[in-house]
Full PDB file with SEQRES, HELIX, SHEET, SSBOND, CRYST1, ORIGX, SCALE, CONECT and MASTER records, all heavy atoms in Angstrom:
SEQRES   1 A   37  SER PHE THR PRO ALA LYS ASP SER TRP GLU MET SER ALA          
SEQRES   2 A   37  SER GLU LYS TRP ASN LEU VAL ILE ARG ASN LYS GLU ARG          
SEQRES   3 A   37  GLY GLY GLU LEU TYR ARG ALA GLY ASP ILE GLY                  
HELIX    1 AA1 SER A    8  GLU A   10  5                                   3    
HELIX    2 AA2 ALA A   13  ARG A   32  1                                  20    
CRYST1    1.000    1.000    1.000  90.00  90.00  90.00 P 1           1          
ORIGX1      1.000000  0.000000  0.000000        0.00000                         
ORIGX2      0.000000  1.000000  0.000000        0.00000                         
ORIGX3      0.000000  0.000000  1.000000        0.00000                         
SCALE1      1.000000  0.000000  0.000000        0.00000                         
SCALE2      0.000000  1.000000  0.000000        0.00000                         
SCALE3      0.000000  0.000000  1.000000        0.00000                         
ATOM      1  N   SER A   1      21.346   6.731  -4.328  1.00  0.00           N  
ATOM      2  CA  SER A   1      21.358   5.320  -3.920  1.00  0.00           C  
ATOM      3  C   SER A   1      19.956   4.932  -3.487  1.00  0.00           C  
ATOM      4  O   SER A   1      19.075   5.784  -3.340  1.00  0.00           O  
ATOM      5  CB  SER A   1      22.341   5.106  -2.761  1.00  0.00           C  
ATOM      6  OG  SER A   1      21.939   5.869  -1.624  1.00  0.00           O  
ATOM      7  N   PHE A   2      19.764   3.637  -3.256  1.00  0.00           N  
ATOM      8  CA  PHE A   2      18.453   3.159  -2.811  1.00  0.00           C  
ATOM      9  C   PHE A   2      18.620   1.797  -2.156  1.00  0.00           C  
ATOM     10  O   PHE A   2      19.597   1.083  -2.400  1.00  0.00           O  
ATOM     11  CB  PHE A   2      17.475   3.060  -3.994  1.00  0.00           C  
ATOM     12  CG  PHE A   2      17.927   2.174  -5.109  1.00  0.00           C  
ATOM     13  CD1 PHE A   2      17.627   0.815  -5.118  1.00  0.00           C  
ATOM     14  CD2 PHE A   2      18.681   2.681  -6.151  1.00  0.00           C  
ATOM     15  CE1 PHE A   2      18.055  -0.014  -6.136  1.00  0.00           C  
ATOM     16  CE2 PHE A   2      19.126   1.861  -7.185  1.00  0.00           C  
ATOM     17  CZ  PHE A   2      18.808   0.518  -7.175  1.00  0.00           C  
ATOM     18  N   THR A   3      17.662   1.463  -1.315  1.00  0.00           N  
ATOM     19  CA  THR A   3      17.674   0.154  -0.667  1.00  0.00           C  
ATOM     20  C   THR A   3      16.896  -0.840  -1.521  1.00  0.00           C  
ATOM     21  O   THR A   3      15.971  -0.450  -2.241  1.00  0.00           O  
ATOM     22  CB  THR A   3      17.026   0.227   0.724  1.00  0.00           C  
ATOM     23  OG1 THR A   3      15.661   0.649   0.585  1.00  0.00           O  
ATOM     24  CG2 THR A   3      17.769   1.200   1.622  1.00  0.00           C  
ATOM     25  N   PRO A   4      17.244  -2.109  -1.464  1.00  0.00           N  
ATOM     26  CA  PRO A   4      16.490  -3.103  -2.251  1.00  0.00           C  
ATOM     27  C   PRO A   4      15.095  -3.299  -1.679  1.00  0.00           C  
ATOM     28  O   PRO A   4      14.840  -3.057  -0.499  1.00  0.00           O  
ATOM     29  CB  PRO A   4      17.329  -4.379  -2.113  1.00  0.00           C  
ATOM     30  CG  PRO A   4      18.116  -4.189  -0.855  1.00  0.00           C  
ATOM     31  CD  PRO A   4      18.376  -2.717  -0.734  1.00  0.00           C  
ATOM     32  N   ALA A   5      14.193  -3.712  -2.527  1.00  0.00           N  
ATOM     33  CA  ALA A   5      12.817  -4.032  -2.112  1.00  0.00           C  
ATOM     34  C   ALA A   5      12.329  -5.187  -2.970  1.00  0.00           C  
ATOM     35  O   ALA A   5      12.938  -5.521  -3.983  1.00  0.00           O  
ATOM     36  CB  ALA A   5      11.915  -2.815  -2.259  1.00  0.00           C  
ATOM     37  N   LYS A   6      11.247  -5.783  -2.548  1.00  0.00           N  
ATOM     38  CA  LYS A   6      10.736  -6.957  -3.246  1.00  0.00           C  
ATOM     39  C   LYS A   6       9.807  -6.577  -4.397  1.00  0.00           C  
ATOM     40  O   LYS A   6       9.030  -5.627  -4.287  1.00  0.00           O  
ATOM     41  CB  LYS A   6       9.963  -7.853  -2.274  1.00  0.00           C  
ATOM     42  CG  LYS A   6      10.805  -8.520  -1.209  1.00  0.00           C  
ATOM     43  CD  LYS A   6       9.924  -9.390  -0.326  1.00  0.00           C  
ATOM     44  CE  LYS A   6      10.723 -10.102   0.766  1.00  0.00           C  
ATOM     45  NZ  LYS A   6       9.851 -10.932   1.625  1.00  0.00           N  
ATOM     46  N   ASP A   7       9.895  -7.340  -5.485  1.00  0.00           N  
ATOM     47  CA  ASP A   7       8.858  -7.289  -6.507  1.00  0.00           C  
ATOM     48  C   ASP A   7       7.621  -7.995  -5.965  1.00  0.00           C  
ATOM     49  O   ASP A   7       7.710  -8.806  -5.028  1.00  0.00           O  
ATOM     50  CB  ASP A   7       9.324  -7.991  -7.784  1.00  0.00           C  
ATOM     51  CG  ASP A   7      10.211  -7.094  -8.640  1.00  0.00           C  
ATOM     52  OD1 ASP A   7       9.830  -5.939  -8.862  1.00  0.00           O  
ATOM     53  OD2 ASP A   7      11.287  -7.555  -9.057  1.00  0.00           O  
ATOM     54  N   SER A   8       6.469  -7.703  -6.574  1.00  0.00           N  
ATOM     55  CA  SER A   8       5.234  -8.310  -6.077  1.00  0.00           C  
ATOM     56  C   SER A   8       5.283  -9.838  -6.128  1.00  0.00           C  
ATOM     57  O   SER A   8       4.758 -10.514  -5.237  1.00  0.00           O  
ATOM     58  CB  SER A   8       4.028  -7.807  -6.878  1.00  0.00           C  
ATOM     59  OG  SER A   8       4.176  -8.138  -8.245  1.00  0.00           O  
ATOM     60  N   TRP A   9       5.959 -10.384  -7.152  1.00  0.00           N  
ATOM     61  CA  TRP A   9       6.020 -11.845  -7.257  1.00  0.00           C  
ATOM     62  C   TRP A   9       6.918 -12.471  -6.196  1.00  0.00           C  
ATOM     63  O   TRP A   9       6.869 -13.667  -5.951  1.00  0.00           O  
ATOM     64  CB  TRP A   9       6.474 -12.262  -8.658  1.00  0.00           C  
ATOM     65  CG  TRP A   9       7.801 -11.701  -9.096  1.00  0.00           C  
ATOM     66  CD1 TRP A   9       8.023 -10.555  -9.793  1.00  0.00           C  
ATOM     67  CD2 TRP A   9       9.097 -12.275  -8.863  1.00  0.00           C  
ATOM     68  NE1 TRP A   9       9.363 -10.356 -10.015  1.00  0.00           N  
ATOM     69  CE2 TRP A   9      10.047 -11.410  -9.452  1.00  0.00           C  
ATOM     70  CE3 TRP A   9       9.544 -13.423  -8.215  1.00  0.00           C  
ATOM     71  CZ2 TRP A   9      11.418 -11.657  -9.413  1.00  0.00           C  
ATOM     72  CZ3 TRP A   9      10.918 -13.665  -8.184  1.00  0.00           C  
ATOM     73  CH2 TRP A   9      11.820 -12.790  -8.776  1.00  0.00           C  
ATOM     74  N   GLU A  10       7.764 -11.635  -5.548  1.00  0.00           N  
ATOM     75  CA  GLU A  10       8.623 -12.133  -4.474  1.00  0.00           C  
ATOM     76  C   GLU A  10       7.941 -12.067  -3.106  1.00  0.00           C  
ATOM     77  O   GLU A  10       8.438 -12.639  -2.144  1.00  0.00           O  
ATOM     78  CB  GLU A  10       9.916 -11.315  -4.425  1.00  0.00           C  
ATOM     79  CG  GLU A  10      10.774 -11.419  -5.672  1.00  0.00           C  
ATOM     80  CD  GLU A  10      11.974 -10.505  -5.620  1.00  0.00           C  
ATOM     81  OE1 GLU A  10      11.795  -9.277  -5.516  1.00  0.00           O  
ATOM     82  OE2 GLU A  10      13.114 -11.018  -5.672  1.00  0.00           O  
ATOM     83  N   MET A  11       6.843 -11.369  -3.023  1.00  0.00           N  
ATOM     84  CA  MET A  11       6.158 -11.196  -1.738  1.00  0.00           C  
ATOM     85  C   MET A  11       5.296 -12.411  -1.413  1.00  0.00           C  
ATOM     86  O   MET A  11       4.782 -13.082  -2.316  1.00  0.00           O  
ATOM     87  CB  MET A  11       5.256  -9.954  -1.780  1.00  0.00           C  
ATOM     88  CG  MET A  11       5.981  -8.654  -1.940  1.00  0.00           C  
ATOM     89  SD  MET A  11       4.789  -7.276  -1.956  1.00  0.00           S  
ATOM     90  CE  MET A  11       5.886  -5.904  -2.303  1.00  0.00           C  
ATOM     91  N   SER A  12       5.130 -12.633  -0.138  1.00  0.00           N  
ATOM     92  CA  SER A  12       4.203 -13.674   0.296  1.00  0.00           C  
ATOM     93  C   SER A  12       2.774 -13.181   0.111  1.00  0.00           C  
ATOM     94  O   SER A  12       2.530 -11.983  -0.067  1.00  0.00           O  
ATOM     95  CB  SER A  12       4.448 -14.019   1.765  1.00  0.00           C  
ATOM     96  OG  SER A  12       4.095 -12.909   2.592  1.00  0.00           O  
ATOM     97  N   ALA A  13       1.826 -14.087   0.167  1.00  0.00           N  
ATOM     98  CA  ALA A  13       0.412 -13.718   0.023  1.00  0.00           C  
ATOM     99  C   ALA A  13       0.001 -12.708   1.097  1.00  0.00           C  
ATOM    100  O   ALA A  13      -0.729 -11.752   0.827  1.00  0.00           O  
ATOM    101  CB  ALA A  13      -0.459 -14.959   0.089  1.00  0.00           C  
ATOM    102  N   SER A  14       0.491 -12.898   2.310  1.00  0.00           N  
ATOM    103  CA  SER A  14       0.111 -11.987   3.400  1.00  0.00           C  
ATOM    104  C   SER A  14       0.714 -10.603   3.191  1.00  0.00           C  
ATOM    105  O   SER A  14       0.076  -9.584   3.500  1.00  0.00           O  
ATOM    106  CB  SER A  14       0.546 -12.562   4.751  1.00  0.00           C  
ATOM    107  OG  SER A  14       1.951 -12.710   4.805  1.00  0.00           O  
ATOM    108  N   GLU A  15       1.944 -10.539   2.654  1.00  0.00           N  
ATOM    109  CA  GLU A  15       2.568  -9.245   2.397  1.00  0.00           C  
ATOM    110  C   GLU A  15       1.783  -8.463   1.339  1.00  0.00           C  
ATOM    111  O   GLU A  15       1.550  -7.261   1.475  1.00  0.00           O  
ATOM    112  CB  GLU A  15       4.013  -9.436   1.935  1.00  0.00           C  
ATOM    113  CG  GLU A  15       4.968  -9.843   3.038  1.00  0.00           C  
ATOM    114  CD  GLU A  15       6.362 -10.141   2.520  1.00  0.00           C  
ATOM    115  OE1 GLU A  15       6.484 -10.772   1.435  1.00  0.00           O  
ATOM    116  OE2 GLU A  15       7.340  -9.762   3.194  1.00  0.00           O  
ATOM    117  N   LYS A  16       1.377  -9.152   0.285  1.00  0.00           N  
ATOM    118  CA  LYS A  16       0.587  -8.487  -0.758  1.00  0.00           C  
ATOM    119  C   LYS A  16      -0.739  -7.992  -0.197  1.00  0.00           C  
ATOM    120  O   LYS A  16      -1.175  -6.868  -0.475  1.00  0.00           O  
ATOM    121  CB  LYS A  16       0.331  -9.452  -1.913  1.00  0.00           C  
ATOM    122  CG  LYS A  16       1.576  -9.866  -2.684  1.00  0.00           C  
ATOM    123  CD  LYS A  16       1.221 -10.928  -3.716  1.00  0.00           C  
ATOM    124  CE  LYS A  16       2.455 -11.503  -4.368  1.00  0.00           C  
ATOM    125  NZ  LYS A  16       2.133 -12.600  -5.317  1.00  0.00           N  
ATOM    126  N   TRP A  17      -1.382  -8.841   0.586  1.00  0.00           N  
ATOM    127  CA  TRP A  17      -2.682  -8.470   1.128  1.00  0.00           C  
ATOM    128  C   TRP A  17      -2.564  -7.289   2.079  1.00  0.00           C  
ATOM    129  O   TRP A  17      -3.422  -6.400   2.086  1.00  0.00           O  
ATOM    130  CB  TRP A  17      -3.317  -9.670   1.817  1.00  0.00           C  
ATOM    131  CG  TRP A  17      -4.731  -9.417   2.239  1.00  0.00           C  
ATOM    132  CD1 TRP A  17      -5.212  -9.350   3.506  1.00  0.00           C  
ATOM    133  CD2 TRP A  17      -5.840  -9.161   1.380  1.00  0.00           C  
ATOM    134  NE1 TRP A  17      -6.558  -9.091   3.500  1.00  0.00           N  
ATOM    135  CE2 TRP A  17      -6.977  -8.968   2.201  1.00  0.00           C  
ATOM    136  CE3 TRP A  17      -5.989  -9.094  -0.004  1.00  0.00           C  
ATOM    137  CZ2 TRP A  17      -8.236  -8.695   1.687  1.00  0.00           C  
ATOM    138  CZ3 TRP A  17      -7.251  -8.819  -0.511  1.00  0.00           C  
ATOM    139  CH2 TRP A  17      -8.352  -8.627   0.328  1.00  0.00           C  
ATOM    140  N   ASN A  18      -1.503  -7.272   2.883  1.00  0.00           N  
ATOM    141  CA  ASN A  18      -1.289  -6.147   3.795  1.00  0.00           C  
ATOM    142  C   ASN A  18      -1.116  -4.837   3.035  1.00  0.00           C  
ATOM    143  O   ASN A  18      -1.578  -3.779   3.474  1.00  0.00           O  
ATOM    144  CB  ASN A  18      -0.072  -6.409   4.684  1.00  0.00           C  
ATOM    145  CG  ASN A  18      -0.345  -7.454   5.744  1.00  0.00           C  
ATOM    146  OD1 ASN A  18      -1.495  -7.712   6.102  1.00  0.00           O  
ATOM    147  ND2 ASN A  18       0.713  -8.082   6.246  1.00  0.00           N  
ATOM    148  N   LEU A  19      -0.435  -4.896   1.879  1.00  0.00           N  
ATOM    149  CA  LEU A  19      -0.275  -3.696   1.056  1.00  0.00           C  
ATOM    150  C   LEU A  19      -1.620  -3.213   0.523  1.00  0.00           C  
ATOM    151  O   LEU A  19      -1.879  -2.007   0.460  1.00  0.00           O  
ATOM    152  CB  LEU A  19       0.670  -3.980  -0.116  1.00  0.00           C  
ATOM    153  CG  LEU A  19       2.163  -3.815   0.138  1.00  0.00           C  
ATOM    154  CD1 LEU A  19       2.952  -4.181  -1.122  1.00  0.00           C  
ATOM    155  CD2 LEU A  19       2.482  -2.379   0.547  1.00  0.00           C  
ATOM    156  N   VAL A  20      -2.461  -4.141   0.118  1.00  0.00           N  
ATOM    157  CA  VAL A  20      -3.800  -3.779  -0.354  1.00  0.00           C  
ATOM    158  C   VAL A  20      -4.560  -3.039   0.745  1.00  0.00           C  
ATOM    159  O   VAL A  20      -5.127  -1.959   0.516  1.00  0.00           O  
ATOM    160  CB  VAL A  20      -4.591  -5.032  -0.795  1.00  0.00           C  
ATOM    161  CG1 VAL A  20      -6.053  -4.681  -1.054  1.00  0.00           C  
ATOM    162  CG2 VAL A  20      -3.964  -5.656  -2.033  1.00  0.00           C  
ATOM    163  N   ILE A  21      -4.577  -3.618   1.940  1.00  0.00           N  
ATOM    164  CA  ILE A  21      -5.330  -3.014   3.046  1.00  0.00           C  
ATOM    165  C   ILE A  21      -4.741  -1.670   3.442  1.00  0.00           C  
ATOM    166  O   ILE A  21      -5.482  -0.706   3.731  1.00  0.00           O  
ATOM    167  CB  ILE A  21      -5.363  -3.977   4.255  1.00  0.00           C  
ATOM    168  CG1 ILE A  21      -6.052  -5.288   3.869  1.00  0.00           C  
ATOM    169  CG2 ILE A  21      -6.063  -3.326   5.441  1.00  0.00           C  
ATOM    170  CD1 ILE A  21      -7.456  -5.130   3.326  1.00  0.00           C  
ATOM    171  N   ARG A  22      -3.412  -1.558   3.444  1.00  0.00           N  
ATOM    172  CA  ARG A  22      -2.768  -0.292   3.794  1.00  0.00           C  
ATOM    173  C   ARG A  22      -3.187   0.817   2.837  1.00  0.00           C  
ATOM    174  O   ARG A  22      -3.504   1.940   3.245  1.00  0.00           O  
ATOM    175  CB  ARG A  22      -1.245  -0.434   3.782  1.00  0.00           C  
ATOM    176  CG  ARG A  22      -0.650  -0.896   5.114  1.00  0.00           C  
ATOM    177  CD  ARG A  22       0.830  -1.172   4.998  1.00  0.00           C  
ATOM    178  NE  ARG A  22       1.558  -0.115   4.296  1.00  0.00           N  
ATOM    179  CZ  ARG A  22       2.783  -0.255   3.806  1.00  0.00           C  
ATOM    180  NH1 ARG A  22       3.407  -1.412   3.912  1.00  0.00           N  
ATOM    181  NH2 ARG A  22       3.393   0.741   3.208  1.00  0.00           N  
ATOM    182  N   ASN A  23      -3.189   0.517   1.546  1.00  0.00           N  
ATOM    183  CA  ASN A  23      -3.570   1.526   0.566  1.00  0.00           C  
ATOM    184  C   ASN A  23      -5.058   1.848   0.646  1.00  0.00           C  
ATOM    185  O   ASN A  23      -5.452   3.007   0.475  1.00  0.00           O  
ATOM    186  CB  ASN A  23      -3.191   1.058  -0.839  1.00  0.00           C  
ATOM    187  CG  ASN A  23      -1.728   1.291  -1.152  1.00  0.00           C  
ATOM    188  OD1 ASN A  23      -1.320   2.397  -1.500  1.00  0.00           O  
ATOM    189  ND2 ASN A  23      -0.917   0.245  -1.019  1.00  0.00           N  
ATOM    190  N   LYS A  24      -5.880   0.859   0.916  1.00  0.00           N  
ATOM    191  CA  LYS A  24      -7.317   1.105   1.077  1.00  0.00           C  
ATOM    192  C   LYS A  24      -7.578   2.021   2.271  1.00  0.00           C  
ATOM    193  O   LYS A  24      -8.352   2.989   2.182  1.00  0.00           O  
ATOM    194  CB  LYS A  24      -8.054  -0.218   1.260  1.00  0.00           C  
ATOM    195  CG  LYS A  24      -9.562  -0.095   1.456  1.00  0.00           C  
ATOM    196  CD  LYS A  24     -10.193  -1.481   1.563  1.00  0.00           C  
ATOM    197  CE  LYS A  24     -11.715  -1.385   1.724  1.00  0.00           C  
ATOM    198  NZ  LYS A  24     -12.095  -0.861   3.043  1.00  0.00           N  
ATOM    199  N   GLU A  25      -6.926   1.727   3.389  1.00  0.00           N  
ATOM    200  CA  GLU A  25      -7.122   2.543   4.584  1.00  0.00           C  
ATOM    201  C   GLU A  25      -6.590   3.956   4.384  1.00  0.00           C  
ATOM    202  O   GLU A  25      -7.201   4.937   4.823  1.00  0.00           O  
ATOM    203  CB  GLU A  25      -6.438   1.876   5.781  1.00  0.00           C  
ATOM    204  CG  GLU A  25      -7.141   0.578   6.213  1.00  0.00           C  
ATOM    205  CD  GLU A  25      -6.401  -0.136   7.320  1.00  0.00           C  
ATOM    206  OE1 GLU A  25      -5.239   0.246   7.596  1.00  0.00           O  
ATOM    207  OE2 GLU A  25      -6.979  -1.079   7.913  1.00  0.00           O  
ATOM    208  N   ARG A  26      -5.442   4.065   3.702  1.00  0.00           N  
ATOM    209  CA  ARG A  26      -4.881   5.394   3.429  1.00  0.00           C  
ATOM    210  C   ARG A  26      -5.813   6.183   2.511  1.00  0.00           C  
ATOM    211  O   ARG A  26      -5.996   7.391   2.691  1.00  0.00           O  
ATOM    212  CB  ARG A  26      -3.493   5.253   2.800  1.00  0.00           C  
ATOM    213  CG  ARG A  26      -2.807   6.579   2.471  1.00  0.00           C  
ATOM    214  CD  ARG A  26      -2.635   7.440   3.696  1.00  0.00           C  
ATOM    215  NE  ARG A  26      -1.968   8.687   3.385  1.00  0.00           N  
ATOM    216  CZ  ARG A  26      -2.060   9.789   4.114  1.00  0.00           C  
ATOM    217  NH1 ARG A  26      -2.790   9.786   5.224  1.00  0.00           N  
ATOM    218  NH2 ARG A  26      -1.435  10.886   3.760  1.00  0.00           N  
ATOM    219  N   GLY A  27      -6.415   5.499   1.554  1.00  0.00           N  
ATOM    220  CA  GLY A  27      -7.379   6.161   0.691  1.00  0.00           C  
ATOM    221  C   GLY A  27      -8.545   6.729   1.474  1.00  0.00           C  
ATOM    222  O   GLY A  27      -9.003   7.848   1.216  1.00  0.00           O  
ATOM    223  N   GLY A  28      -9.031   5.963   2.451  1.00  0.00           N  
ATOM    224  CA  GLY A  28     -10.116   6.454   3.290  1.00  0.00           C  
ATOM    225  C   GLY A  28      -9.722   7.687   4.088  1.00  0.00           C  
ATOM    226  O   GLY A  28     -10.501   8.643   4.220  1.00  0.00           O  
ATOM    227  N   GLU A  29      -8.507   7.679   4.620  1.00  0.00           N  
ATOM    228  CA  GLU A  29      -8.019   8.838   5.377  1.00  0.00           C  
ATOM    229  C   GLU A  29      -7.952  10.081   4.489  1.00  0.00           C  
ATOM    230  O   GLU A  29      -8.368  11.178   4.889  1.00  0.00           O  
ATOM    231  CB  GLU A  29      -6.631   8.541   5.948  1.00  0.00           C  
ATOM    232  CG  GLU A  29      -6.616   7.461   7.027  1.00  0.00           C  
ATOM    233  CD  GLU A  29      -5.202   7.032   7.389  1.00  0.00           C  
ATOM    234  OE1 GLU A  29      -4.245   7.598   6.808  1.00  0.00           O  
ATOM    235  OE2 GLU A  29      -5.047   6.135   8.245  1.00  0.00           O  
ATOM    236  N   LEU A  30      -7.434   9.911   3.287  1.00  0.00           N  
ATOM    237  CA  LEU A  30      -7.304  11.043   2.370  1.00  0.00           C  
ATOM    238  C   LEU A  30      -8.670  11.555   1.927  1.00  0.00           C  
ATOM    239  O   LEU A  30      -8.878  12.769   1.805  1.00  0.00           O  
ATOM    240  CB  LEU A  30      -6.466  10.631   1.153  1.00  0.00           C  
ATOM    241  CG  LEU A  30      -4.981  10.360   1.446  1.00  0.00           C  
ATOM    242  CD1 LEU A  30      -4.341   9.583   0.306  1.00  0.00           C  
ATOM    243  CD2 LEU A  30      -4.243  11.681   1.677  1.00  0.00           C  
ATOM    244  N   TYR A  31      -9.610  10.636   1.691  1.00  0.00           N  
ATOM    245  CA  TYR A  31     -10.959  11.051   1.282  1.00  0.00           C  
ATOM    246  C   TYR A  31     -11.616  11.882   2.383  1.00  0.00           C  
ATOM    247  O   TYR A  31     -12.206  12.937   2.115  1.00  0.00           O  
ATOM    248  CB  TYR A  31     -11.803   9.820   0.960  1.00  0.00           C  
ATOM    249  CG  TYR A  31     -13.143  10.150   0.346  1.00  0.00           C  
ATOM    250  CD1 TYR A  31     -13.278  10.258  -1.032  1.00  0.00           C  
ATOM    251  CD2 TYR A  31     -14.268  10.357   1.148  1.00  0.00           C  
ATOM    252  CE1 TYR A  31     -14.506  10.569  -1.614  1.00  0.00           C  
ATOM    253  CE2 TYR A  31     -15.491  10.678   0.581  1.00  0.00           C  
ATOM    254  CZ  TYR A  31     -15.607  10.775  -0.796  1.00  0.00           C  
ATOM    255  OH  TYR A  31     -16.823  11.097  -1.352  1.00  0.00           O  
ATOM    256  N   ARG A  32     -11.501  11.412   3.605  1.00  0.00           N  
ATOM    257  CA  ARG A  32     -12.105  12.144   4.727  1.00  0.00           C  
ATOM    258  C   ARG A  32     -11.439  13.502   4.932  1.00  0.00           C  
ATOM    259  O   ARG A  32     -12.078  14.443   5.402  1.00  0.00           O  
ATOM    260  CB  ARG A  32     -12.036  11.309   6.003  1.00  0.00           C  
ATOM    261  CG  ARG A  32     -12.977  10.103   5.992  1.00  0.00           C  
ATOM    262  CD  ARG A  32     -13.020   9.409   7.335  1.00  0.00           C  
ATOM    263  NE  ARG A  32     -11.769   8.732   7.648  1.00  0.00           N  
ATOM    264  CZ  ARG A  32     -11.459   7.501   7.268  1.00  0.00           C  
ATOM    265  NH1 ARG A  32     -12.329   6.798   6.542  1.00  0.00           N  
ATOM    266  NH2 ARG A  32     -10.303   6.954   7.602  1.00  0.00           N  
ATOM    267  N   ALA A  33     -10.158  13.591   4.551  1.00  0.00           N  
ATOM    268  CA  ALA A  33      -9.437  14.861   4.681  1.00  0.00           C  
ATOM    269  C   ALA A  33      -9.709  15.793   3.512  1.00  0.00           C  
ATOM    270  O   ALA A  33      -9.246  16.931   3.507  1.00  0.00           O  
ATOM    271  CB  ALA A  33      -7.934  14.591   4.790  1.00  0.00           C  
ATOM    272  N   GLY A  34     -10.455  15.320   2.523  1.00  0.00           N  
ATOM    273  CA  GLY A  34     -10.797  16.160   1.386  1.00  0.00           C  
ATOM    274  C   GLY A  34      -9.816  16.116   0.237  1.00  0.00           C  
ATOM    275  O   GLY A  34      -9.975  16.853  -0.741  1.00  0.00           O  
ATOM    276  N   ASP A  35      -8.799  15.254   0.308  1.00  0.00           N  
ATOM    277  CA  ASP A  35      -7.828  15.133  -0.781  1.00  0.00           C  
ATOM    278  C   ASP A  35      -8.308  14.022  -1.713  1.00  0.00           C  
ATOM    279  O   ASP A  35      -7.828  12.885  -1.669  1.00  0.00           O  
ATOM    280  CB  ASP A  35      -6.435  14.818  -0.221  1.00  0.00           C  
ATOM    281  CG  ASP A  35      -5.330  15.044  -1.238  1.00  0.00           C  
ATOM    282  OD1 ASP A  35      -5.638  15.116  -2.444  1.00  0.00           O  
ATOM    283  OD2 ASP A  35      -4.155  15.137  -0.832  1.00  0.00           O  
ATOM    284  N   ILE A  36      -9.259  14.362  -2.566  1.00  0.00           N  
ATOM    285  CA  ILE A  36      -9.969  13.352  -3.349  1.00  0.00           C  
ATOM    286  C   ILE A  36      -9.071  12.723  -4.414  1.00  0.00           C  
ATOM    287  O   ILE A  36      -9.124  11.507  -4.642  1.00  0.00           O  
ATOM    288  CB  ILE A  36     -11.223  13.963  -3.998  1.00  0.00           C  
ATOM    289  CG1 ILE A  36     -12.080  14.684  -2.937  1.00  0.00           C  
ATOM    290  CG2 ILE A  36     -12.026  12.884  -4.698  1.00  0.00           C  
ATOM    291  CD1 ILE A  36     -12.477  13.822  -1.767  1.00  0.00           C  
ATOM    292  N   GLY A  37      -8.251  13.523  -5.076  1.00  0.00           N  
ATOM    293  CA  GLY A  37      -7.356  12.977  -6.094  1.00  0.00           C  
ATOM    294  C   GLY A  37      -6.389  11.966  -5.518  1.00  0.00           C  
ATOM    295  O   GLY A  37      -6.159  10.899  -6.098  1.00  0.00           O  
TER     296      GLY A  37                                                      
MASTER        0    0    0    2    0    0    0    6  295    1    0    3          
END                                                                             
């Protein structure tokens, strides 16, 4: 089973932007930890 989630076109502009920043910040954490891939 799974819970419903929004498609990108259903998200507000702020929700999309928050996802961008979250992934960017997570990328920085992983890079500093040496997990380059």
